[in-house]
Amino acid sequence: KRTYTLKNLDCATCAALMEESIRGIEGIDDVSISFMTCRMV
C-alpha cells in the first residue's frame, strides 16, 4: 500500500474518473483518490 500526494487535482469528477481508469490496471488491487486531501492510495 502506497500513498501519493496529487498536485493540481481540480475537481471531484476528475478524481472519480481517475479512480475508475486506474482500477483497470493489472497489478492494482484497490485505488482511492480523495479530492479533498489530494491524496491517492
Full PDB file with SEQRES, HELIX, SHEET, SSBOND, CRYST1, ORIGX, SCALE, CONECT and MASTER records, all heavy atoms in Angstrom:
SEQRES   1 A   41  LYS ARG THR TYR THR LEU LYS ASN LEU ASP CYS ALA THR          
SEQRES   2 A   41  CYS ALA ALA LEU MET GLU GLU SER ILE ARG GLY ILE GLU          
SEQRES   3 A   41  GLY ILE ASP ASP VAL SER ILE SER PHE MET THR CYS ARG          
SEQRES   4 A   41  MET VAL                                                      
HELIX    1 AA1 ALA A   12  ARG A   23  1                                  12    
SHEET    1 AA1 3 TYR A   4  THR A   5  0                                        
SHEET    2 AA1 3 ARG A  39  MET A  40 -1                                        
SHEET    3 AA1 3 ILE A  33  SER A  34 -1                                        
CRYST1    1.000    1.000    1.000  90.00  90.00  90.00 P 1           1          
ORIGX1      1.000000  0.000000  0.000000        0.00000                         
ORIGX2      0.000000  1.000000  0.000000        0.00000                         
ORIGX3      0.000000  0.000000  1.000000        0.00000                         
SCALE1      1.000000  0.000000  0.000000        0.00000                         
SCALE2      0.000000  1.000000  0.000000        0.00000                         
SCALE3      0.000000  0.000000  1.000000        0.00000                         
ATOM      1  N   LYS A   1       0.850  -1.186   0.000  1.00  0.00           N  
ATOM      2  CA  LYS A   1       0.000   0.000   0.000  1.00  0.00           C  
ATOM      3  C   LYS A   1       0.888   1.238   0.000  1.00  0.00           C  
ATOM      4  O   LYS A   1       1.810   1.345   0.816  1.00  0.00           O  
ATOM      5  CB  LYS A   1      -0.872  -0.023   1.254  1.00  0.00           C  
ATOM      6  CG  LYS A   1      -1.871   1.074   1.356  1.00  0.00           C  
ATOM      7  CD  LYS A   1      -2.717   0.843   2.606  1.00  0.00           C  
ATOM      8  CE  LYS A   1      -3.805   1.850   2.714  1.00  0.00           C  
ATOM      9  NZ  LYS A   1      -4.643   1.599   3.897  1.00  0.00           N  
ATOM     10  N   ARG A   2       0.611   2.145  -0.937  1.00  0.00           N  
ATOM     11  CA  ARG A   2       1.398   3.381  -1.039  1.00  0.00           C  
ATOM     12  C   ARG A   2       0.464   4.572  -1.166  1.00  0.00           C  
ATOM     13  O   ARG A   2      -0.578   4.488  -1.823  1.00  0.00           O  
ATOM     14  CB  ARG A   2       2.304   3.340  -2.259  1.00  0.00           C  
ATOM     15  CG  ARG A   2       3.357   2.278  -2.144  1.00  0.00           C  
ATOM     16  CD  ARG A   2       4.640   2.766  -2.711  1.00  0.00           C  
ATOM     17  NE  ARG A   2       5.666   1.762  -2.486  1.00  0.00           N  
ATOM     18  CZ  ARG A   2       6.617   1.506  -3.330  1.00  0.00           C  
ATOM     19  NH1 ARG A   2       6.687   2.159  -4.455  1.00  0.00           N  
ATOM     20  NH2 ARG A   2       7.523   0.605  -3.054  1.00  0.00           N  
ATOM     21  N   THR A   3       0.872   5.692  -0.562  1.00  0.00           N  
ATOM     22  CA  THR A   3       0.094   6.919  -0.607  1.00  0.00           C  
ATOM     23  C   THR A   3       0.898   7.983  -1.344  1.00  0.00           C  
ATOM     24  O   THR A   3       2.096   8.151  -1.103  1.00  0.00           O  
ATOM     25  CB  THR A   3      -0.229   7.410   0.818  1.00  0.00           C  
ATOM     26  OG1 THR A   3      -0.938   6.378   1.503  1.00  0.00           O  
ATOM     27  CG2 THR A   3      -1.079   8.667   0.776  1.00  0.00           C  
ATOM     28  N   TYR A   4       0.213   8.688  -2.243  1.00  0.00           N  
ATOM     29  CA  TYR A   4       0.843   9.744  -3.041  1.00  0.00           C  
ATOM     30  C   TYR A   4       0.031  11.026  -2.911  1.00  0.00           C  
ATOM     31  O   TYR A   4      -1.194  10.983  -2.800  1.00  0.00           O  
ATOM     32  CB  TYR A   4       0.891   9.352  -4.518  1.00  0.00           C  
ATOM     33  CG  TYR A   4       1.673   8.097  -4.782  1.00  0.00           C  
ATOM     34  CD1 TYR A   4       1.044   6.853  -4.794  1.00  0.00           C  
ATOM     35  CD2 TYR A   4       3.035   8.138  -5.029  1.00  0.00           C  
ATOM     36  CE1 TYR A   4       1.753   5.689  -5.031  1.00  0.00           C  
ATOM     37  CE2 TYR A   4       3.756   6.980  -5.265  1.00  0.00           C  
ATOM     38  CZ  TYR A   4       3.114   5.766  -5.263  1.00  0.00           C  
ATOM     39  OH  TYR A   4       3.821   4.619  -5.493  1.00  0.00           O  
ATOM     40  N   THR A   5       0.708  12.167  -2.954  1.00  0.00           N  
ATOM     41  CA  THR A   5       0.039  13.461  -2.981  1.00  0.00           C  
ATOM     42  C   THR A   5      -0.111  13.893  -4.428  1.00  0.00           C  
ATOM     43  O   THR A   5       0.861  13.894  -5.189  1.00  0.00           O  
ATOM     44  CB  THR A   5       0.861  14.516  -2.204  1.00  0.00           C  
ATOM     45  OG1 THR A   5       0.996  14.068  -0.855  1.00  0.00           O  
ATOM     46  CG2 THR A   5       0.174  15.858  -2.226  1.00  0.00           C  
ATOM     47  N   LEU A   6      -1.333  14.239  -4.797  1.00  0.00           N  
ATOM     48  CA  LEU A   6      -1.610  14.695  -6.160  1.00  0.00           C  
ATOM     49  C   LEU A   6      -1.555  16.215  -6.204  1.00  0.00           C  
ATOM     50  O   LEU A   6      -2.075  16.888  -5.316  1.00  0.00           O  
ATOM     51  CB  LEU A   6      -2.990  14.210  -6.608  1.00  0.00           C  
ATOM     52  CG  LEU A   6      -3.166  12.701  -6.695  1.00  0.00           C  
ATOM     53  CD1 LEU A   6      -4.615  12.361  -6.994  1.00  0.00           C  
ATOM     54  CD2 LEU A   6      -2.270  12.114  -7.758  1.00  0.00           C  
ATOM     55  N   LYS A   7      -0.932  16.737  -7.228  1.00  0.00           N  
ATOM     56  CA  LYS A   7      -0.863  18.186  -7.427  1.00  0.00           C  
ATOM     57  C   LYS A   7      -1.784  18.563  -8.580  1.00  0.00           C  
ATOM     58  O   LYS A   7      -1.890  17.839  -9.567  1.00  0.00           O  
ATOM     59  CB  LYS A   7       0.570  18.601  -7.737  1.00  0.00           C  
ATOM     60  CG  LYS A   7       1.494  18.350  -6.583  1.00  0.00           C  
ATOM     61  CD  LYS A   7       2.902  18.754  -6.915  1.00  0.00           C  
ATOM     62  CE  LYS A   7       3.736  18.544  -5.677  1.00  0.00           C  
ATOM     63  NZ  LYS A   7       4.944  17.851  -5.889  1.00  0.00           N  
ATOM     64  N   ASN A   8      -2.443  19.698  -8.427  1.00  0.00           N  
ATOM     65  CA  ASN A   8      -3.336  20.249  -9.456  1.00  0.00           C  
ATOM     66  C   ASN A   8      -4.551  19.368  -9.736  1.00  0.00           C  
ATOM     67  O   ASN A   8      -5.014  19.294 -10.869  1.00  0.00           O  
ATOM     68  CB  ASN A   8      -2.578  20.529 -10.756  1.00  0.00           C  
ATOM     69  CG  ASN A   8      -1.449  21.508 -10.556  1.00  0.00           C  
ATOM     70  OD1 ASN A   8      -1.613  22.502  -9.865  1.00  0.00           O  
ATOM     71  ND2 ASN A   8      -0.307  21.223 -11.140  1.00  0.00           N  
ATOM     72  N   LEU A   9      -5.066  18.712  -8.699  1.00  0.00           N  
ATOM     73  CA  LEU A   9      -6.312  17.963  -8.824  1.00  0.00           C  
ATOM     74  C   LEU A   9      -7.438  18.963  -8.613  1.00  0.00           C  
ATOM     75  O   LEU A   9      -7.631  19.469  -7.512  1.00  0.00           O  
ATOM     76  CB  LEU A   9      -6.373  16.832  -7.792  1.00  0.00           C  
ATOM     77  CG  LEU A   9      -7.622  15.959  -7.808  1.00  0.00           C  
ATOM     78  CD1 LEU A   9      -7.778  15.260  -9.162  1.00  0.00           C  
ATOM     79  CD2 LEU A   9      -7.570  14.943  -6.682  1.00  0.00           C  
ATOM     80  N   ASP A  10      -8.170  19.281  -9.685  1.00  0.00           N  
ATOM     81  CA  ASP A  10      -9.094  20.403  -9.664  1.00  0.00           C  
ATOM     82  C   ASP A  10     -10.556  20.074  -9.398  1.00  0.00           C  
ATOM     83  O   ASP A  10     -11.326  20.972  -9.091  1.00  0.00           O  
ATOM     84  CB  ASP A  10      -9.011  21.163 -10.994  1.00  0.00           C  
ATOM     85  CG  ASP A  10      -7.647  21.786 -11.205  1.00  0.00           C  
ATOM     86  OD1 ASP A  10      -6.973  22.085 -10.213  1.00  0.00           O  
ATOM     87  OD2 ASP A  10      -7.252  21.954 -12.376  1.00  0.00           O  
ATOM     88  N   CYS A  11     -10.966  18.820  -9.552  1.00  0.00           N  
ATOM     89  CA  CYS A  11     -12.394  18.545  -9.343  1.00  0.00           C  
ATOM     90  C   CYS A  11     -12.633  17.102  -8.901  1.00  0.00           C  
ATOM     91  O   CYS A  11     -11.850  16.204  -9.190  1.00  0.00           O  
ATOM     92  CB  CYS A  11     -13.198  18.855 -10.600  1.00  0.00           C  
ATOM     93  SG  CYS A  11     -12.967  17.714 -11.958  1.00  0.00           S  
ATOM     94  N   ALA A  12     -13.741  16.926  -8.191  1.00  0.00           N  
ATOM     95  CA  ALA A  12     -14.103  15.607  -7.683  1.00  0.00           C  
ATOM     96  C   ALA A  12     -14.450  14.654  -8.819  1.00  0.00           C  
ATOM     97  O   ALA A  12     -14.173  13.452  -8.737  1.00  0.00           O  
ATOM     98  CB  ALA A  12     -15.270  15.729  -6.714  1.00  0.00           C  
ATOM     99  N   THR A  13     -15.021  15.161  -9.877  1.00  0.00           N  
ATOM    100  CA  THR A  13     -15.363  14.321 -11.023  1.00  0.00           C  
ATOM    101  C   THR A  13     -14.096  13.748 -11.654  1.00  0.00           C  
ATOM    102  O   THR A  13     -14.055  12.558 -11.999  1.00  0.00           O  
ATOM    103  CB  THR A  13     -16.168  15.109 -12.068  1.00  0.00           C  
ATOM    104  OG1 THR A  13     -17.357  15.595 -11.445  1.00  0.00           O  
ATOM    105  CG2 THR A  13     -16.526  14.257 -13.258  1.00  0.00           C  
ATOM    106  N   CYS A  14     -13.066  14.564 -11.775  1.00  0.00           N  
ATOM    107  CA  CYS A  14     -11.789  14.086 -12.315  1.00  0.00           C  
ATOM    108  C   CYS A  14     -11.214  12.991 -11.419  1.00  0.00           C  
ATOM    109  O   CYS A  14     -10.706  11.987 -11.917  1.00  0.00           O  
ATOM    110  CB  CYS A  14     -10.791  15.229 -12.437  1.00  0.00           C  
ATOM    111  SG  CYS A  14     -11.199  16.421 -13.726  1.00  0.00           S  
ATOM    112  N   ALA A  15     -11.296  13.179 -10.110  1.00  0.00           N  
ATOM    113  CA  ALA A  15     -10.791  12.170  -9.174  1.00  0.00           C  
ATOM    114  C   ALA A  15     -11.524  10.848  -9.372  1.00  0.00           C  
ATOM    115  O   ALA A  15     -10.895   9.782  -9.405  1.00  0.00           O  
ATOM    116  CB  ALA A  15     -10.941  12.653  -7.735  1.00  0.00           C  
ATOM    117  N   ALA A  16     -12.835  10.903  -9.536  1.00  0.00           N  
ATOM    118  CA  ALA A  16     -13.622   9.684  -9.752  1.00  0.00           C  
ATOM    119  C   ALA A  16     -13.264   9.012 -11.071  1.00  0.00           C  
ATOM    120  O   ALA A  16     -13.144   7.780 -11.141  1.00  0.00           O  
ATOM    121  CB  ALA A  16     -15.113  10.011  -9.706  1.00  0.00           C  
ATOM    122  N   LEU A  17     -13.070   9.803 -12.119  1.00  0.00           N  
ATOM    123  CA  LEU A  17     -12.686   9.249 -13.423  1.00  0.00           C  
ATOM    124  C   LEU A  17     -11.301   8.608 -13.361  1.00  0.00           C  
ATOM    125  O   LEU A  17     -11.057   7.555 -13.955  1.00  0.00           O  
ATOM    126  CB  LEU A  17     -12.723  10.331 -14.501  1.00  0.00           C  
ATOM    127  CG  LEU A  17     -14.104  10.852 -14.884  1.00  0.00           C  
ATOM    128  CD1 LEU A  17     -13.974  12.073 -15.794  1.00  0.00           C  
ATOM    129  CD2 LEU A  17     -14.913   9.761 -15.560  1.00  0.00           C  
ATOM    130  N   MET A  18     -10.391   9.245 -12.627  1.00  0.00           N  
ATOM    131  CA  MET A  18      -9.044   8.688 -12.458  1.00  0.00           C  
ATOM    132  C   MET A  18      -9.110   7.353 -11.725  1.00  0.00           C  
ATOM    133  O   MET A  18      -8.464   6.382 -12.138  1.00  0.00           O  
ATOM    134  CB  MET A  18      -8.157   9.664 -11.689  1.00  0.00           C  
ATOM    135  CG  MET A  18      -7.776  10.884 -12.475  1.00  0.00           C  
ATOM    136  SD  MET A  18      -6.909  12.059 -11.411  1.00  0.00           S  
ATOM    137  CE  MET A  18      -6.858  13.490 -12.477  1.00  0.00           C  
ATOM    138  N   GLU A  19      -9.880   7.309 -10.634  1.00  0.00           N  
ATOM    139  CA  GLU A  19     -10.039   6.056  -9.879  1.00  0.00           C  
ATOM    140  C   GLU A  19     -10.540   4.938 -10.781  1.00  0.00           C  
ATOM    141  O   GLU A  19     -10.003   3.835 -10.785  1.00  0.00           O  
ATOM    142  CB  GLU A  19     -11.046   6.236  -8.740  1.00  0.00           C  
ATOM    143  CG  GLU A  19     -10.471   6.687  -7.457  1.00  0.00           C  
ATOM    144  CD  GLU A  19     -11.500   6.660  -6.340  1.00  0.00           C  
ATOM    145  OE1 GLU A  19     -12.622   6.155  -6.516  1.00  0.00           O  
ATOM    146  OE2 GLU A  19     -11.153   7.159  -5.257  1.00  0.00           O  
ATOM    147  N   GLU A  20     -11.578   5.230 -11.535  1.00  0.00           N  
ATOM    148  CA  GLU A  20     -12.174   4.229 -12.425  1.00  0.00           C  
ATOM    149  C   GLU A  20     -11.157   3.710 -13.439  1.00  0.00           C  
ATOM    150  O   GLU A  20     -11.065   2.515 -13.686  1.00  0.00           O  
ATOM    151  CB  GLU A  20     -13.379   4.831 -13.140  1.00  0.00           C  
ATOM    152  CG  GLU A  20     -14.141   3.863 -14.001  1.00  0.00           C  
ATOM    153  CD  GLU A  20     -15.335   4.516 -14.665  1.00  0.00           C  
ATOM    154  OE1 GLU A  20     -15.932   5.439 -14.072  1.00  0.00           O  
ATOM    155  OE2 GLU A  20     -15.669   4.097 -15.791  1.00  0.00           O  
ATOM    156  N   SER A  21     -10.390   4.617 -14.005  1.00  0.00           N  
ATOM    157  CA  SER A  21      -9.394   4.235 -15.003  1.00  0.00           C  
ATOM    158  C   SER A  21      -8.263   3.407 -14.385  1.00  0.00           C  
ATOM    159  O   SER A  21      -7.832   2.401 -14.944  1.00  0.00           O  
ATOM    160  CB  SER A  21      -8.829   5.489 -15.670  1.00  0.00           C  
ATOM    161  OG  SER A  21      -7.869   5.151 -16.632  1.00  0.00           O  
ATOM    162  N   ILE A  22      -7.788   3.826 -13.220  1.00  0.00           N  
ATOM    163  CA  ILE A  22      -6.670   3.152 -12.566  1.00  0.00           C  
ATOM    164  C   ILE A  22      -7.062   1.749 -12.104  1.00  0.00           C  
ATOM    165  O   ILE A  22      -6.242   0.830 -12.123  1.00  0.00           O  
ATOM    166  CB  ILE A  22      -6.145   4.010 -11.394  1.00  0.00           C  
ATOM    167  CG1 ILE A  22      -5.489   5.274 -11.963  1.00  0.00           C  
ATOM    168  CG2 ILE A  22      -5.168   3.233 -10.521  1.00  0.00           C  
ATOM    169  CD1 ILE A  22      -5.194   6.339 -10.928  1.00  0.00           C  
ATOM    170  N   ARG A  23      -8.324   1.557 -11.730  1.00  0.00           N  
ATOM    171  CA  ARG A  23      -8.777   0.228 -11.285  1.00  0.00           C  
ATOM    172  C   ARG A  23      -8.572  -0.828 -12.365  1.00  0.00           C  
ATOM    173  O   ARG A  23      -8.437  -2.003 -12.051  1.00  0.00           O  
ATOM    174  CB  ARG A  23     -10.249   0.277 -10.904  1.00  0.00           C  
ATOM    175  CG  ARG A  23     -10.458   0.724  -9.509  1.00  0.00           C  
ATOM    176  CD  ARG A  23     -11.831   0.402  -8.970  1.00  0.00           C  
ATOM    177  NE  ARG A  23     -11.885   0.863  -7.603  1.00  0.00           N  
ATOM    178  CZ  ARG A  23     -12.307   2.059  -7.243  1.00  0.00           C  
ATOM    179  NH1 ARG A  23     -12.754   2.891  -8.133  1.00  0.00           N  
ATOM    180  NH2 ARG A  23     -12.304   2.405  -5.976  1.00  0.00           N  
ATOM    181  N   GLY A  24      -8.520  -0.427 -13.614  1.00  0.00           N  
ATOM    182  CA  GLY A  24      -8.346  -1.370 -14.708  1.00  0.00           C  
ATOM    183  C   GLY A  24      -6.913  -1.806 -14.956  1.00  0.00           C  
ATOM    184  O   GLY A  24      -6.658  -2.629 -15.831  1.00  0.00           O  
ATOM    185  N   ILE A  25      -5.964  -1.281 -14.200  1.00  0.00           N  
ATOM    186  CA  ILE A  25      -4.556  -1.622 -14.401  1.00  0.00           C  
ATOM    187  C   ILE A  25      -4.243  -2.941 -13.707  1.00  0.00           C  
ATOM    188  O   ILE A  25      -4.538  -3.118 -12.521  1.00  0.00           O  
ATOM    189  CB  ILE A  25      -3.632  -0.510 -13.844  1.00  0.00           C  
ATOM    190  CG1 ILE A  25      -3.887   0.806 -14.566  1.00  0.00           C  
ATOM    191  CG2 ILE A  25      -2.165  -0.923 -13.953  1.00  0.00           C  
ATOM    192  CD1 ILE A  25      -3.145   1.988 -13.976  1.00  0.00           C  
ATOM    193  N   GLU A  26      -3.627  -3.854 -14.448  1.00  0.00           N  
ATOM    194  CA  GLU A  26      -3.215  -5.129 -13.867  1.00  0.00           C  
ATOM    195  C   GLU A  26      -2.159  -4.874 -12.800  1.00  0.00           C  
ATOM    196  O   GLU A  26      -1.192  -4.138 -13.036  1.00  0.00           O  
ATOM    197  CB  GLU A  26      -2.652  -6.043 -14.952  1.00  0.00           C  
ATOM    198  CG  GLU A  26      -2.399  -7.437 -14.471  1.00  0.00           C  
ATOM    199  CD  GLU A  26      -1.997  -8.370 -15.585  1.00  0.00           C  
ATOM    200  OE1 GLU A  26      -2.437  -8.161 -16.722  1.00  0.00           O  
ATOM    201  OE2 GLU A  26      -1.228  -9.294 -15.294  1.00  0.00           O  
ATOM    202  N   GLY A  27      -2.353  -5.441 -11.639  1.00  0.00           N  
ATOM    203  CA  GLY A  27      -1.435  -5.229 -10.521  1.00  0.00           C  
ATOM    204  C   GLY A  27      -2.025  -4.325  -9.452  1.00  0.00           C  
ATOM    205  O   GLY A  27      -1.552  -4.310  -8.324  1.00  0.00           O  
ATOM    206  N   ILE A  28      -3.060  -3.563  -9.798  1.00  0.00           N  
ATOM    207  CA  ILE A  28      -3.722  -2.697  -8.830  1.00  0.00           C  
ATOM    208  C   ILE A  28      -4.895  -3.465  -8.227  1.00  0.00           C  
ATOM    209  O   ILE A  28      -5.806  -3.881  -8.933  1.00  0.00           O  
ATOM    210  CB  ILE A  28      -4.240  -1.396  -9.486  1.00  0.00           C  
ATOM    211  CG1 ILE A  28      -3.086  -0.549 -10.013  1.00  0.00           C  
ATOM    212  CG2 ILE A  28      -5.091  -0.591  -8.501  1.00  0.00           C  
ATOM    213  CD1 ILE A  28      -2.207   0.074  -8.956  1.00  0.00           C  
ATOM    214  N   ASP A  29      -4.848  -3.660  -6.912  1.00  0.00           N  
ATOM    215  CA  ASP A  29      -5.944  -4.332  -6.212  1.00  0.00           C  
ATOM    216  C   ASP A  29      -7.025  -3.338  -5.800  1.00  0.00           C  
ATOM    217  O   ASP A  29      -8.209  -3.649  -5.830  1.00  0.00           O  
ATOM    218  CB  ASP A  29      -5.422  -5.067  -4.971  1.00  0.00           C  
ATOM    219  CG  ASP A  29      -4.465  -6.185  -5.333  1.00  0.00           C  
ATOM    220  OD1 ASP A  29      -4.612  -6.777  -6.421  1.00  0.00           O  
ATOM    221  OD2 ASP A  29      -3.560  -6.466  -4.522  1.00  0.00           O  
ATOM    222  N   ASP A  30      -6.606  -2.136  -5.385  1.00  0.00           N  
ATOM    223  CA  ASP A  30      -7.562  -1.102  -4.982  1.00  0.00           C  
ATOM    224  C   ASP A  30      -6.909   0.259  -5.143  1.00  0.00           C  
ATOM    225  O   ASP A  30      -5.695   0.394  -5.028  1.00  0.00           O  
ATOM    226  CB  ASP A  30      -7.995  -1.314  -3.530  1.00  0.00           C  
ATOM    227  CG  ASP A  30      -9.216  -0.477  -3.162  1.00  0.00           C  
ATOM    228  OD1 ASP A  30     -10.009  -0.148  -4.071  1.00  0.00           O  
ATOM    229  OD2 ASP A  30      -9.373  -0.148  -1.973  1.00  0.00           O  
ATOM    230  N   VAL A  31      -7.743   1.254  -5.405  1.00  0.00           N  
ATOM    231  CA  VAL A  31      -7.276   2.636  -5.508  1.00  0.00           C  
ATOM    232  C   VAL A  31      -8.320   3.531  -4.872  1.00  0.00           C  
ATOM    233  O   VAL A  31      -9.519   3.286  -4.982  1.00  0.00           O  
ATOM    234  CB  VAL A  31      -7.010   3.056  -6.981  1.00  0.00           C  
ATOM    235  CG1 VAL A  31      -8.247   2.908  -7.826  1.00  0.00           C  
ATOM    236  CG2 VAL A  31      -6.468   4.468  -7.050  1.00  0.00           C  
ATOM    237  N   SER A  32      -7.839   4.554  -4.195  1.00  0.00           N  
ATOM    238  CA  SER A  32      -8.723   5.538  -3.592  1.00  0.00           C  
ATOM    239  C   SER A  32      -8.103   6.913  -3.810  1.00  0.00           C  
ATOM    240  O   SER A  32      -6.939   7.132  -3.471  1.00  0.00           O  
ATOM    241  CB  SER A  32      -8.878   5.262  -2.093  1.00  0.00           C  
ATOM    242  OG  SER A  32      -9.623   6.293  -1.489  1.00  0.00           O  
ATOM    243  N   ILE A  33      -8.882   7.820  -4.393  1.00  0.00           N  
ATOM    244  CA  ILE A  33      -8.407   9.185  -4.603  1.00  0.00           C  
ATOM    245  C   ILE A  33      -9.354  10.118  -3.874  1.00  0.00           C  
ATOM    246  O   ILE A  33     -10.561  10.108  -4.111  1.00  0.00           O  
ATOM    247  CB  ILE A  33      -8.337   9.547  -6.099  1.00  0.00           C  
ATOM    248  CG1 ILE A  33      -7.328   8.657  -6.804  1.00  0.00           C  
ATOM    249  CG2 ILE A  33      -7.963  11.022  -6.264  1.00  0.00           C  
ATOM    250  CD1 ILE A  33      -7.213   8.892  -8.302  1.00  0.00           C  
ATOM    251  N   SER A  34      -8.794  10.927  -2.981  1.00  0.00           N  
ATOM    252  CA  SER A  34      -9.578  11.904  -2.243  1.00  0.00           C  
ATOM    253  C   SER A  34      -9.335  13.284  -2.830  1.00  0.00           C  
ATOM    254  O   SER A  34      -8.211  13.799  -2.782  1.00  0.00           O  
ATOM    255  CB  SER A  34      -9.190  11.901  -0.763  1.00  0.00           C  
ATOM    256  OG  SER A  34      -9.797  13.003  -0.108  1.00  0.00           O  
ATOM    257  N   PHE A  35     -10.400  13.876  -3.359  1.00  0.00           N  
ATOM    258  CA  PHE A  35     -10.298  15.230  -3.907  1.00  0.00           C  
ATOM    259  C   PHE A  35     -10.005  16.230  -2.785  1.00  0.00           C  
ATOM    260  O   PHE A  35      -9.225  17.164  -2.965  1.00  0.00           O  
ATOM    261  CB  PHE A  35     -11.596  15.595  -4.633  1.00  0.00           C  
ATOM    262  CG  PHE A  35     -11.701  17.045  -4.970  1.00  0.00           C  
ATOM    263  CD1 PHE A  35     -10.864  17.619  -5.902  1.00  0.00           C  
ATOM    264  CD2 PHE A  35     -12.630  17.848  -4.343  1.00  0.00           C  
ATOM    265  CE1 PHE A  35     -10.941  18.966  -6.219  1.00  0.00           C  
ATOM    266  CE2 PHE A  35     -12.725  19.199  -4.657  1.00  0.00           C  
ATOM    267  CZ  PHE A  35     -11.881  19.754  -5.584  1.00  0.00           C  
ATOM    268  N   MET A  36     -10.612  16.027  -1.629  1.00  0.00           N  
ATOM    269  CA  MET A  36     -10.461  16.978  -0.518  1.00  0.00           C  
ATOM    270  C   MET A  36      -9.025  17.039   0.013  1.00  0.00           C  
ATOM    271  O   MET A  36      -8.536  18.110   0.329  1.00  0.00           O  
ATOM    272  CB  MET A  36     -11.420  16.623   0.623  1.00  0.00           C  
ATOM    273  CG  MET A  36     -12.881  16.758   0.237  1.00  0.00           C  
ATOM    274  SD  MET A  36     -13.340  18.427  -0.277  1.00  0.00           S  
ATOM    275  CE  MET A  36     -13.193  19.282   1.260  1.00  0.00           C  
ATOM    276  N   THR A  37      -8.361  15.889   0.103  1.00  0.00           N  
ATOM    277  CA  THR A  37      -6.997  15.868   0.640  1.00  0.00           C  
ATOM    278  C   THR A  37      -5.935  15.796  -0.451  1.00  0.00           C  
ATOM    279  O   THR A  37      -4.744  15.879  -0.143  1.00  0.00           O  
ATOM    280  CB  THR A  37      -6.798  14.672   1.595  1.00  0.00           C  
ATOM    281  OG1 THR A  37      -6.973  13.449   0.861  1.00  0.00           O  
ATOM    282  CG2 THR A  37      -7.769  14.727   2.765  1.00  0.00           C  
ATOM    283  N   CYS A  38      -6.372  15.614  -1.695  1.00  0.00           N  
ATOM    284  CA  CYS A  38      -5.452  15.461  -2.839  1.00  0.00           C  
ATOM    285  C   CYS A  38      -4.483  14.302  -2.615  1.00  0.00           C  
ATOM    286  O   CYS A  38      -3.290  14.400  -2.895  1.00  0.00           O  
ATOM    287  CB  CYS A  38      -4.706  16.749  -3.128  1.00  0.00           C  
ATOM    288  SG  CYS A  38      -5.770  18.053  -3.735  1.00  0.00           S  
ATOM    289  N   ARG A  39      -5.011  13.189  -2.097  1.00  0.00           N  
ATOM    290  CA  ARG A  39      -4.199  12.000  -1.853  1.00  0.00           C  
ATOM    291  C   ARG A  39      -4.743  10.819  -2.639  1.00  0.00           C  
ATOM    292  O   ARG A  39      -5.941  10.660  -2.791  1.00  0.00           O  
ATOM    293  CB  ARG A  39      -4.193  11.644  -0.380  1.00  0.00           C  
ATOM    294  CG  ARG A  39      -3.664  12.732   0.472  1.00  0.00           C  
ATOM    295  CD  ARG A  39      -2.629  12.235   1.415  1.00  0.00           C  
ATOM    296  NE  ARG A  39      -2.271  13.350   2.287  1.00  0.00           N  
ATOM    297  CZ  ARG A  39      -1.064  13.803   2.415  1.00  0.00           C  
ATOM    298  NH1 ARG A  39      -0.090  13.243   1.778  1.00  0.00           N  
ATOM    299  NH2 ARG A  39      -0.801  14.816   3.190  1.00  0.00           N  
ATOM    300  N   MET A  40      -3.811  10.013  -3.124  1.00  0.00           N  
ATOM    301  CA  MET A  40      -4.153   8.786  -3.820  1.00  0.00           C  
ATOM    302  C   MET A  40      -3.497   7.630  -3.073  1.00  0.00           C  
ATOM    303  O   MET A  40      -2.302   7.664  -2.785  1.00  0.00           O  
ATOM    304  CB  MET A  40      -3.626   8.830  -5.258  1.00  0.00           C  
ATOM    305  CG  MET A  40      -3.780   7.526  -6.010  1.00  0.00           C  
ATOM    306  SD  MET A  40      -3.250   7.622  -7.734  1.00  0.00           S  
ATOM    307  CE  MET A  40      -1.499   7.991  -7.574  1.00  0.00           C  
ATOM    308  N   VAL A  41      -4.293   6.613  -2.764  1.00  0.00           N  
ATOM    309  CA  VAL A  41      -3.782   5.419  -2.107  1.00  0.00           C  
ATOM    310  C   VAL A  41      -3.909   4.274  -3.092  1.00  0.00           C  
ATOM    311  O   VAL A  41      -4.995   3.987  -3.595  1.00  0.00           O  
ATOM    312  CB  VAL A  41      -4.565   5.100  -0.811  1.00  0.00           C  
ATOM    313  CG1 VAL A  41      -4.034   3.817  -0.182  1.00  0.00           C  
ATOM    314  CG2 VAL A  41      -4.480   6.264   0.166  1.00  0.00           C  
TER     315      VAL A  41                                                      
MASTER        0    0    0    1    3    0    0    6  314    1    0    4          
END                                                                             
